mmCIF file of all heavy atoms, coordinates in Angstrom:
data_MODEL
# 
_entry.id   MODEL 
# 
loop_
_atom_site.group_PDB 
_atom_site.id 
_atom_site.type_symbol 
_atom_site.label_atom_id 
_atom_site.label_alt_id 
_atom_site.label_comp_id 
_atom_site.label_asym_id 
_atom_site.label_entity_id 
_atom_site.label_seq_id 
_atom_site.pdbx_PDB_ins_code 
_atom_site.Cartn_x 
_atom_site.Cartn_y 
_atom_site.Cartn_z 
_atom_site.occupancy 
_atom_site.B_iso_or_equiv 
_atom_site.pdbx_formal_charge 
_atom_site.auth_seq_id 
_atom_site.auth_comp_id 
_atom_site.auth_asym_id 
_atom_site.auth_atom_id 
_atom_site.pdbx_PDB_model_num 
ATOM 1   N N   . PHE A 1 1  ? 156.912 -105.522 73.384 1.00 0.00 ? 1  PHE A N   1 
ATOM 2   C CA  . PHE A 1 1  ? 157.565 -106.799 73.669 1.00 0.00 ? 1  PHE A CA  1 
ATOM 3   C C   . PHE A 1 1  ? 157.621 -107.719 72.492 1.00 0.00 ? 1  PHE A C   1 
ATOM 4   O O   . PHE A 1 1  ? 158.694 -108.280 72.163 1.00 0.00 ? 1  PHE A O   1 
ATOM 5   C CB  . PHE A 1 1  ? 156.838 -107.490 74.830 1.00 0.00 ? 1  PHE A CB  1 
ATOM 6   C CG  . PHE A 1 1  ? 157.422 -108.814 75.214 1.00 0.00 ? 1  PHE A CG  1 
ATOM 7   C CD1 . PHE A 1 1  ? 158.456 -108.925 76.091 1.00 0.00 ? 1  PHE A CD1 1 
ATOM 8   C CD2 . PHE A 1 1  ? 156.912 -109.962 74.653 1.00 0.00 ? 1  PHE A CD2 1 
ATOM 9   C CE1 . PHE A 1 1  ? 159.038 -110.172 76.395 1.00 0.00 ? 1  PHE A CE1 1 
ATOM 10  C CE2 . PHE A 1 1  ? 157.450 -111.195 74.935 1.00 0.00 ? 1  PHE A CE2 1 
ATOM 11  C CZ  . PHE A 1 1  ? 158.525 -111.323 75.817 1.00 0.00 ? 1  PHE A CZ  1 
ATOM 12  N N   . LYS A 1 2  ? 156.542 -107.858 71.800 1.00 0.00 ? 2  LYS A N   1 
ATOM 13  C CA  . LYS A 1 2  ? 156.545 -108.810 70.632 1.00 0.00 ? 2  LYS A CA  1 
ATOM 14  C C   . LYS A 1 2  ? 157.549 -108.403 69.618 1.00 0.00 ? 2  LYS A C   1 
ATOM 15  O O   . LYS A 1 2  ? 158.225 -109.231 69.017 1.00 0.00 ? 2  LYS A O   1 
ATOM 16  C CB  . LYS A 1 2  ? 155.121 -108.943 70.086 1.00 0.00 ? 2  LYS A CB  1 
ATOM 17  C CG  . LYS A 1 2  ? 154.353 -110.119 70.563 1.00 0.00 ? 2  LYS A CG  1 
ATOM 18  C CD  . LYS A 1 2  ? 153.125 -110.357 69.745 1.00 0.00 ? 2  LYS A CD  1 
ATOM 19  C CE  . LYS A 1 2  ? 152.438 -111.634 70.199 1.00 0.00 ? 2  LYS A CE  1 
ATOM 20  N NZ  . LYS A 1 2  ? 151.269 -112.031 69.313 1.00 0.00 ? 2  LYS A NZ  1 
ATOM 21  N N   . ALA A 1 3  ? 157.519 -107.062 69.264 1.00 0.00 ? 3  ALA A N   1 
ATOM 22  C CA  . ALA A 1 3  ? 158.445 -106.611 68.183 1.00 0.00 ? 3  ALA A CA  1 
ATOM 23  C C   . ALA A 1 3  ? 159.852 -106.873 68.659 1.00 0.00 ? 3  ALA A C   1 
ATOM 24  O O   . ALA A 1 3  ? 160.722 -107.206 67.770 1.00 0.00 ? 3  ALA A O   1 
ATOM 25  C CB  . ALA A 1 3  ? 158.162 -105.150 67.984 1.00 0.00 ? 3  ALA A CB  1 
ATOM 26  N N   . THR A 1 4  ? 160.222 -106.667 69.909 1.00 0.00 ? 4  THR A N   1 
ATOM 27  C CA  . THR A 1 4  ? 161.559 -106.891 70.381 1.00 0.00 ? 4  THR A CA  1 
ATOM 28  C C   . THR A 1 4  ? 162.008 -108.309 70.129 1.00 0.00 ? 4  THR A C   1 
ATOM 29  O O   . THR A 1 4  ? 163.011 -108.643 69.562 1.00 0.00 ? 4  THR A O   1 
ATOM 30  C CB  . THR A 1 4  ? 161.693 -106.567 71.878 1.00 0.00 ? 4  THR A CB  1 
ATOM 31  O OG1 . THR A 1 4  ? 161.280 -105.224 72.099 1.00 0.00 ? 4  THR A OG1 1 
ATOM 32  C CG2 . THR A 1 4  ? 163.021 -106.875 72.431 1.00 0.00 ? 4  THR A CG2 1 
ATOM 33  N N   . VAL A 1 5  ? 161.148 -109.232 70.558 1.00 0.00 ? 5  VAL A N   1 
ATOM 34  C CA  . VAL A 1 5  ? 161.501 -110.660 70.442 1.00 0.00 ? 5  VAL A CA  1 
ATOM 35  C C   . VAL A 1 5  ? 161.481 -111.136 69.011 1.00 0.00 ? 5  VAL A C   1 
ATOM 36  O O   . VAL A 1 5  ? 162.423 -111.826 68.528 1.00 0.00 ? 5  VAL A O   1 
ATOM 37  C CB  . VAL A 1 5  ? 160.495 -111.538 71.290 1.00 0.00 ? 5  VAL A CB  1 
ATOM 38  C CG1 . VAL A 1 5  ? 160.649 -113.021 71.007 1.00 0.00 ? 5  VAL A CG1 1 
ATOM 39  C CG2 . VAL A 1 5  ? 160.703 -111.262 72.765 1.00 0.00 ? 5  VAL A CG2 1 
ATOM 40  N N   . GLU A 1 6  ? 160.487 -110.737 68.250 1.00 0.00 ? 6  GLU A N   1 
ATOM 41  C CA  . GLU A 1 6  ? 160.472 -111.189 66.783 1.00 0.00 ? 6  GLU A CA  1 
ATOM 42  C C   . GLU A 1 6  ? 161.621 -110.620 66.021 1.00 0.00 ? 6  GLU A C   1 
ATOM 43  O O   . GLU A 1 6  ? 162.288 -111.361 65.258 1.00 0.00 ? 6  GLU A O   1 
ATOM 44  C CB  . GLU A 1 6  ? 159.095 -110.711 66.189 1.00 0.00 ? 6  GLU A CB  1 
ATOM 45  C CG  . GLU A 1 6  ? 157.908 -111.550 66.704 1.00 0.00 ? 6  GLU A CG  1 
ATOM 46  C CD  . GLU A 1 6  ? 156.606 -111.075 66.117 1.00 0.00 ? 6  GLU A CD  1 
ATOM 47  O OE1 . GLU A 1 6  ? 156.600 -109.972 65.524 1.00 0.00 ? 6  GLU A OE1 1 
ATOM 48  O OE2 . GLU A 1 6  ? 155.626 -111.787 66.252 1.00 0.00 ? 6  GLU A OE2 1 
ATOM 49  N N   . SER A 1 7  ? 161.999 -109.368 66.294 1.00 0.00 ? 7  SER A N   1 
ATOM 50  C CA  . SER A 1 7  ? 163.065 -108.749 65.528 1.00 0.00 ? 7  SER A CA  1 
ATOM 51  C C   . SER A 1 7  ? 164.406 -109.445 65.761 1.00 0.00 ? 7  SER A C   1 
ATOM 52  O O   . SER A 1 7  ? 165.214 -109.655 64.851 1.00 0.00 ? 7  SER A O   1 
ATOM 53  C CB  . SER A 1 7  ? 163.181 -107.295 65.836 1.00 0.00 ? 7  SER A CB  1 
ATOM 54  O OG  . SER A 1 7  ? 163.652 -107.059 67.178 1.00 0.00 ? 7  SER A OG  1 
ATOM 55  N N   . VAL A 1 8  ? 164.689 -109.922 67.014 1.00 0.00 ? 8  VAL A N   1 
ATOM 56  C CA  . VAL A 1 8  ? 165.873 -110.540 67.310 1.00 0.00 ? 8  VAL A CA  1 
ATOM 57  C C   . VAL A 1 8  ? 165.959 -112.005 66.781 1.00 0.00 ? 8  VAL A C   1 
ATOM 58  O O   . VAL A 1 8  ? 166.935 -112.498 66.323 1.00 0.00 ? 8  VAL A O   1 
ATOM 59  C CB  . VAL A 1 8  ? 166.229 -110.498 68.835 1.00 0.00 ? 8  VAL A CB  1 
ATOM 60  C CG1 . VAL A 1 8  ? 165.443 -111.615 69.559 1.00 0.00 ? 8  VAL A CG1 1 
ATOM 61  C CG2 . VAL A 1 8  ? 167.700 -110.633 69.074 1.00 0.00 ? 8  VAL A CG2 1 
ATOM 62  N N   . ILE A 1 9  ? 164.785 -112.623 66.733 1.00 0.00 ? 9  ILE A N   1 
ATOM 63  C CA  . ILE A 1 9  ? 164.702 -113.954 66.120 1.00 0.00 ? 9  ILE A CA  1 
ATOM 64  C C   . ILE A 1 9  ? 164.972 -113.921 64.635 1.00 0.00 ? 9  ILE A C   1 
ATOM 65  O O   . ILE A 1 9  ? 165.670 -114.815 64.061 1.00 0.00 ? 9  ILE A O   1 
ATOM 66  C CB  . ILE A 1 9  ? 163.302 -114.597 66.371 1.00 0.00 ? 9  ILE A CB  1 
ATOM 67  C CG1 . ILE A 1 9  ? 163.132 -114.943 67.890 1.00 0.00 ? 9  ILE A CG1 1 
ATOM 68  C CG2 . ILE A 1 9  ? 163.102 -115.799 65.472 1.00 0.00 ? 9  ILE A CG2 1 
ATOM 69  C CD1 . ILE A 1 9  ? 161.752 -115.361 68.246 1.00 0.00 ? 9  ILE A CD1 1 
ATOM 70  N N   . PHE A 1 10 ? 164.455 -112.914 63.925 1.00 0.00 ? 10 PHE A N   1 
ATOM 71  C CA  . PHE A 1 10 ? 164.639 -112.799 62.471 1.00 0.00 ? 10 PHE A CA  1 
ATOM 72  C C   . PHE A 1 10 ? 166.055 -112.350 62.101 1.00 0.00 ? 10 PHE A C   1 
ATOM 73  O O   . PHE A 1 10 ? 166.364 -112.206 60.941 1.00 0.00 ? 10 PHE A O   1 
ATOM 74  C CB  . PHE A 1 10 ? 163.614 -111.834 61.873 1.00 0.00 ? 10 PHE A CB  1 
ATOM 75  C CG  . PHE A 1 10 ? 162.317 -112.503 61.647 1.00 0.00 ? 10 PHE A CG  1 
ATOM 76  C CD1 . PHE A 1 10 ? 161.238 -112.224 62.431 1.00 0.00 ? 10 PHE A CD1 1 
ATOM 77  C CD2 . PHE A 1 10 ? 162.090 -113.424 60.565 1.00 0.00 ? 10 PHE A CD2 1 
ATOM 78  C CE1 . PHE A 1 10 ? 159.949 -112.881 62.249 1.00 0.00 ? 10 PHE A CE1 1 
ATOM 79  C CE2 . PHE A 1 10 ? 160.929 -114.052 60.340 1.00 0.00 ? 10 PHE A CE2 1 
ATOM 80  C CZ  . PHE A 1 10 ? 159.849 -113.764 61.235 1.00 0.00 ? 10 PHE A CZ  1 
ATOM 81  N N   . THR A 1 11 ? 166.965 -112.178 63.090 1.00 0.00 ? 11 THR A N   1 
ATOM 82  C CA  . THR A 1 11 ? 168.389 -111.975 62.723 1.00 0.00 ? 11 THR A CA  1 
ATOM 83  C C   . THR A 1 11 ? 169.071 -113.347 62.485 1.00 0.00 ? 11 THR A C   1 
ATOM 84  O O   . THR A 1 11 ? 170.203 -113.341 61.960 1.00 0.00 ? 11 THR A O   1 
ATOM 85  C CB  . THR A 1 11 ? 169.153 -111.250 63.835 1.00 0.00 ? 11 THR A CB  1 
ATOM 86  O OG1 . THR A 1 11 ? 169.140 -112.022 65.040 1.00 0.00 ? 11 THR A OG1 1 
ATOM 87  C CG2 . THR A 1 11 ? 168.507 -109.891 64.088 1.00 0.00 ? 11 THR A CG2 1 
ATOM 88  N N   . GLY A 1 12 ? 168.511 -114.454 62.863 1.00 0.00 ? 12 GLY A N   1 
ATOM 89  C CA  . GLY A 1 12 ? 169.074 -115.796 62.613 1.00 0.00 ? 12 GLY A CA  1 
ATOM 90  C C   . GLY A 1 12 ? 170.097 -116.172 63.667 1.00 0.00 ? 12 GLY A C   1 
ATOM 91  O O   . GLY A 1 12 ? 170.549 -115.396 64.454 1.00 0.00 ? 12 GLY A O   1 
ATOM 92  N N   . GLY A 1 13 ? 170.484 -117.458 63.615 1.00 0.00 ? 13 GLY A N   1 
ATOM 93  C CA  . GLY A 1 13 ? 171.578 -117.931 64.485 1.00 0.00 ? 13 GLY A CA  1 
ATOM 94  C C   . GLY A 1 13 ? 171.065 -118.464 65.737 1.00 0.00 ? 13 GLY A C   1 
ATOM 95  O O   . GLY A 1 13 ? 170.164 -119.263 65.801 1.00 0.00 ? 13 GLY A O   1 
ATOM 96  N N   . ASP A 1 14 ? 171.569 -117.995 66.895 1.00 0.00 ? 14 ASP A N   1 
ATOM 97  C CA  . ASP A 1 14 ? 171.254 -118.545 68.184 1.00 0.00 ? 14 ASP A CA  1 
ATOM 98  C C   . ASP A 1 14 ? 169.979 -117.846 68.683 1.00 0.00 ? 14 ASP A C   1 
ATOM 99  O O   . ASP A 1 14 ? 169.982 -117.131 69.708 1.00 0.00 ? 14 ASP A O   1 
ATOM 100 C CB  . ASP A 1 14 ? 172.447 -118.248 69.137 1.00 0.00 ? 14 ASP A CB  1 
ATOM 101 C CG  . ASP A 1 14 ? 172.331 -119.067 70.435 1.00 0.00 ? 14 ASP A CG  1 
ATOM 102 O OD1 . ASP A 1 14 ? 171.412 -119.823 70.554 1.00 0.00 ? 14 ASP A OD1 1 
ATOM 103 O OD2 . ASP A 1 14 ? 173.183 -119.002 71.298 1.00 0.00 ? 14 ASP A OD2 1 
ATOM 104 N N   . THR A 1 15 ? 168.887 -118.102 68.020 1.00 0.00 ? 15 THR A N   1 
ATOM 105 C CA  . THR A 1 15 ? 167.643 -117.362 68.164 1.00 0.00 ? 15 THR A CA  1 
ATOM 106 C C   . THR A 1 15 ? 167.080 -117.511 69.590 1.00 0.00 ? 15 THR A C   1 
ATOM 107 O O   . THR A 1 15 ? 166.514 -116.551 70.109 1.00 0.00 ? 15 THR A O   1 
ATOM 108 C CB  . THR A 1 15 ? 166.652 -117.808 67.112 1.00 0.00 ? 15 THR A CB  1 
ATOM 109 O OG1 . THR A 1 15 ? 166.501 -119.194 67.137 1.00 0.00 ? 15 THR A OG1 1 
ATOM 110 C CG2 . THR A 1 15 ? 167.105 -117.353 65.718 1.00 0.00 ? 15 THR A CG2 1 
ATOM 111 N N   . ASP A 1 16 ? 167.137 -118.728 70.146 1.00 0.00 ? 16 ASP A N   1 
ATOM 112 C CA  . ASP A 1 16 ? 166.431 -118.850 71.434 1.00 0.00 ? 16 ASP A CA  1 
ATOM 113 C C   . ASP A 1 16 ? 167.158 -118.102 72.534 1.00 0.00 ? 16 ASP A C   1 
ATOM 114 O O   . ASP A 1 16 ? 166.533 -117.441 73.352 1.00 0.00 ? 16 ASP A O   1 
ATOM 115 C CB  . ASP A 1 16 ? 166.347 -120.348 71.822 1.00 0.00 ? 16 ASP A CB  1 
ATOM 116 C CG  . ASP A 1 16 ? 167.636 -121.094 71.953 1.00 0.00 ? 16 ASP A CG  1 
ATOM 117 O OD1 . ASP A 1 16 ? 168.618 -120.708 71.226 1.00 0.00 ? 16 ASP A OD1 1 
ATOM 118 O OD2 . ASP A 1 16 ? 167.711 -122.087 72.669 1.00 0.00 ? 16 ASP A OD2 1 
ATOM 119 N N   . THR A 1 17 ? 168.521 -118.146 72.554 1.00 0.00 ? 17 THR A N   1 
ATOM 120 C CA  . THR A 1 17 ? 169.238 -117.438 73.617 1.00 0.00 ? 17 THR A CA  1 
ATOM 121 C C   . THR A 1 17 ? 169.115 -115.884 73.431 1.00 0.00 ? 17 THR A C   1 
ATOM 122 O O   . THR A 1 17 ? 168.883 -115.174 74.455 1.00 0.00 ? 17 THR A O   1 
ATOM 123 C CB  . THR A 1 17 ? 170.680 -117.844 73.575 1.00 0.00 ? 17 THR A CB  1 
ATOM 124 O OG1 . THR A 1 17 ? 170.802 -119.253 73.929 1.00 0.00 ? 17 THR A OG1 1 
ATOM 125 C CG2 . THR A 1 17 ? 171.449 -117.054 74.673 1.00 0.00 ? 17 THR A CG2 1 
ATOM 126 N N   . HIS A 1 18 ? 169.232 -115.450 72.199 1.00 0.00 ? 18 HIS A N   1 
ATOM 127 C CA  . HIS A 1 18 ? 169.065 -114.026 71.921 1.00 0.00 ? 18 HIS A CA  1 
ATOM 128 C C   . HIS A 1 18 ? 167.725 -113.460 72.263 1.00 0.00 ? 18 HIS A C   1 
ATOM 129 O O   . HIS A 1 18 ? 167.512 -112.398 72.852 1.00 0.00 ? 18 HIS A O   1 
ATOM 130 C CB  . HIS A 1 18 ? 169.450 -113.725 70.502 1.00 0.00 ? 18 HIS A CB  1 
ATOM 131 C CG  . HIS A 1 18 ? 170.868 -114.056 70.130 1.00 0.00 ? 18 HIS A CG  1 
ATOM 132 N ND1 . HIS A 1 18 ? 171.297 -114.387 68.863 1.00 0.00 ? 18 HIS A ND1 1 
ATOM 133 C CD2 . HIS A 1 18 ? 171.972 -114.159 70.958 1.00 0.00 ? 18 HIS A CD2 1 
ATOM 134 C CE1 . HIS A 1 18 ? 172.531 -114.678 68.906 1.00 0.00 ? 18 HIS A CE1 1 
ATOM 135 N NE2 . HIS A 1 18 ? 172.961 -114.567 70.114 1.00 0.00 ? 18 HIS A NE2 1 
ATOM 136 N N   . ALA A 1 19 ? 166.690 -114.273 71.969 1.00 0.00 ? 19 ALA A N   1 
ATOM 137 C CA  . ALA A 1 19 ? 165.342 -113.896 72.264 1.00 0.00 ? 19 ALA A CA  1 
ATOM 138 C C   . ALA A 1 19 ? 165.116 -114.044 73.739 1.00 0.00 ? 19 ALA A C   1 
ATOM 139 O O   . ALA A 1 19 ? 164.274 -113.173 74.333 1.00 0.00 ? 19 ALA A O   1 
ATOM 140 C CB  . ALA A 1 19 ? 164.306 -114.745 71.464 1.00 0.00 ? 19 ALA A CB  1 
ATOM 141 N N   . PHE A 1 20 ? 165.761 -114.950 74.396 1.00 0.00 ? 20 PHE A N   1 
ATOM 142 C CA  . PHE A 1 20 ? 165.611 -115.045 75.869 1.00 0.00 ? 20 PHE A CA  1 
ATOM 143 C C   . PHE A 1 20 ? 166.195 -113.784 76.614 1.00 0.00 ? 20 PHE A C   1 
ATOM 144 O O   . PHE A 1 20 ? 165.522 -113.183 77.477 1.00 0.00 ? 20 PHE A O   1 
ATOM 145 C CB  . PHE A 1 20 ? 166.319 -116.280 76.453 1.00 0.00 ? 20 PHE A CB  1 
ATOM 146 C CG  . PHE A 1 20 ? 166.390 -116.306 77.923 1.00 0.00 ? 20 PHE A CG  1 
ATOM 147 C CD1 . PHE A 1 20 ? 165.316 -116.837 78.612 1.00 0.00 ? 20 PHE A CD1 1 
ATOM 148 C CD2 . PHE A 1 20 ? 167.453 -115.807 78.640 1.00 0.00 ? 20 PHE A CD2 1 
ATOM 149 C CE1 . PHE A 1 20 ? 165.280 -116.904 79.999 1.00 0.00 ? 20 PHE A CE1 1 
ATOM 150 C CE2 . PHE A 1 20 ? 167.465 -115.792 80.007 1.00 0.00 ? 20 PHE A CE2 1 
ATOM 151 C CZ  . PHE A 1 20 ? 166.383 -116.327 80.691 1.00 0.00 ? 20 PHE A CZ  1 
ATOM 152 N N   . ILE A 1 21 ? 167.323 -113.333 76.120 1.00 0.00 ? 21 ILE A N   1 
ATOM 153 C CA  . ILE A 1 21 ? 167.996 -112.211 76.809 1.00 0.00 ? 21 ILE A CA  1 
ATOM 154 C C   . ILE A 1 21 ? 167.158 -110.936 76.520 1.00 0.00 ? 21 ILE A C   1 
ATOM 155 O O   . ILE A 1 21 ? 166.803 -110.144 77.413 1.00 0.00 ? 21 ILE A O   1 
ATOM 156 C CB  . ILE A 1 21 ? 169.430 -111.978 76.268 1.00 0.00 ? 21 ILE A CB  1 
ATOM 157 C CG1 . ILE A 1 21 ? 170.266 -113.245 76.519 1.00 0.00 ? 21 ILE A CG1 1 
ATOM 158 C CG2 . ILE A 1 21 ? 170.068 -110.754 76.884 1.00 0.00 ? 21 ILE A CG2 1 
ATOM 159 C CD1 . ILE A 1 21 ? 171.590 -113.274 75.763 1.00 0.00 ? 21 ILE A CD1 1 
ATOM 160 N N   . ALA A 1 22 ? 166.843 -110.703 75.246 1.00 0.00 ? 22 ALA A N   1 
ATOM 161 C CA  . ALA A 1 22 ? 166.014 -109.531 74.895 1.00 0.00 ? 22 ALA A CA  1 
ATOM 162 C C   . ALA A 1 22 ? 164.684 -109.565 75.494 1.00 0.00 ? 22 ALA A C   1 
ATOM 163 O O   . ALA A 1 22 ? 164.154 -108.559 76.021 1.00 0.00 ? 22 ALA A O   1 
ATOM 164 C CB  . ALA A 1 22 ? 165.881 -109.436 73.294 1.00 0.00 ? 22 ALA A CB  1 
ATOM 165 N N   . GLY A 1 23 ? 164.009 -110.790 75.511 1.00 0.00 ? 23 GLY A N   1 
ATOM 166 C CA  . GLY A 1 23 ? 162.733 -110.933 76.173 1.00 0.00 ? 23 GLY A CA  1 
ATOM 167 C C   . GLY A 1 23 ? 162.690 -110.702 77.591 1.00 0.00 ? 23 GLY A C   1 
ATOM 168 O O   . GLY A 1 23 ? 161.724 -110.104 78.158 1.00 0.00 ? 23 GLY A O   1 
ATOM 169 N N   . SER A 1 24 ? 163.843 -111.071 78.303 1.00 0.00 ? 24 SER A N   1 
ATOM 170 C CA  . SER A 1 24 ? 163.921 -110.816 79.739 1.00 0.00 ? 24 SER A CA  1 
ATOM 171 C C   . SER A 1 24 ? 163.892 -109.390 80.060 1.00 0.00 ? 24 SER A C   1 
ATOM 172 O O   . SER A 1 24 ? 163.227 -108.924 80.944 1.00 0.00 ? 24 SER A O   1 
ATOM 173 C CB  . SER A 1 24 ? 165.235 -111.485 80.278 1.00 0.00 ? 24 SER A CB  1 
ATOM 174 O OG  . SER A 1 24 ? 165.199 -112.905 80.128 1.00 0.00 ? 24 SER A OG  1 
ATOM 175 N N   . ILE A 1 25 ? 164.703 -108.630 79.351 1.00 0.00 ? 25 ILE A N   1 
ATOM 176 C CA  . ILE A 1 25 ? 164.774 -107.148 79.625 1.00 0.00 ? 25 ILE A CA  1 
ATOM 177 C C   . ILE A 1 25 ? 163.559 -106.435 79.158 1.00 0.00 ? 25 ILE A C   1 
ATOM 178 O O   . ILE A 1 25 ? 162.982 -105.630 79.913 1.00 0.00 ? 25 ILE A O   1 
ATOM 179 C CB  . ILE A 1 25 ? 166.035 -106.606 78.880 1.00 0.00 ? 25 ILE A CB  1 
ATOM 180 C CG1 . ILE A 1 25 ? 167.279 -107.292 79.317 1.00 0.00 ? 25 ILE A CG1 1 
ATOM 181 C CG2 . ILE A 1 25 ? 166.163 -105.053 79.194 1.00 0.00 ? 25 ILE A CG2 1 
ATOM 182 C CD1 . ILE A 1 25 ? 168.535 -106.882 78.515 1.00 0.00 ? 25 ILE A CD1 1 
# 
């Protein structure tokens, strides 16, 4: 889980929404 969320945050941009979607799944 942590790697999923952290990796998407480090892509930059709309980090909260992308981390929300990835974190949900």
